[in-house]
Amino acid sequence: MLIRTIKKVRVVITREVHVSTVKLTVNGKAVTADVEDRTLLVHLLRDHLGLTGTHVGCDTSQCGACVVHIDGRPVKSCTVLVGQANGANVTTIEGIARGDELHPMQAAFRDNHGLQCGYCTPGMIMTSIDIVNRHNGDLDEATVRQELEGNICRCTGYHNIVKSVLDAAGRMKVAQAAE
């Protein structure tokens, strides 16, 4: 008769967790948060601040669903550690409207059916605002298509997205002139 004795071994793996306090401005509001140093900006926005308009689409920075503006520049927030944004001004899709009035880019996407499922839309809009601003509203279809290469929409052929961006370029010029 063979008796096997198996010892129960308790293995405890510990890792040191580093937590830092970060201070930044999100959509015009001062935010202070204690987060693990490995926390990505997209997770701070979604999980800690409840700003779920910024989406995680691929986890590899390929799709652009997570684009936000950091100090006025579009950034894929899945590639930014929160510590890198410390002291920065972050604008998400939730922060571009003025009260109940949609941003001209949001209104153009709505009016031109520039979305289907809507998952990529926040990133598309944030990227498109930057495109219009960098080109001073002087855009053509080829330029818009080229500039949107870092954003993926799995539902559309981009026709209505491009149409929306071109429409918004005109609307943004009008809005700037009125200010």
Foldseek 3Di string as FASTA:
>chain_A
DDDDDDDDDDDDDDDDWDWDWFWEAELNRIDIDIDTQQAFQLCCVCPVVVNPQQDDDDLPLQAQSRWKAWQRHTDRRSVHGRVNSGHIYIYFCVNQADVPRHQLLVVLCVVLVQDDPSSSVRRLSRQLVSQLVVVVLPDDLVSSVVSCNSHDDPPDPRPSSSSSSNSSSVVVVVVVVVD
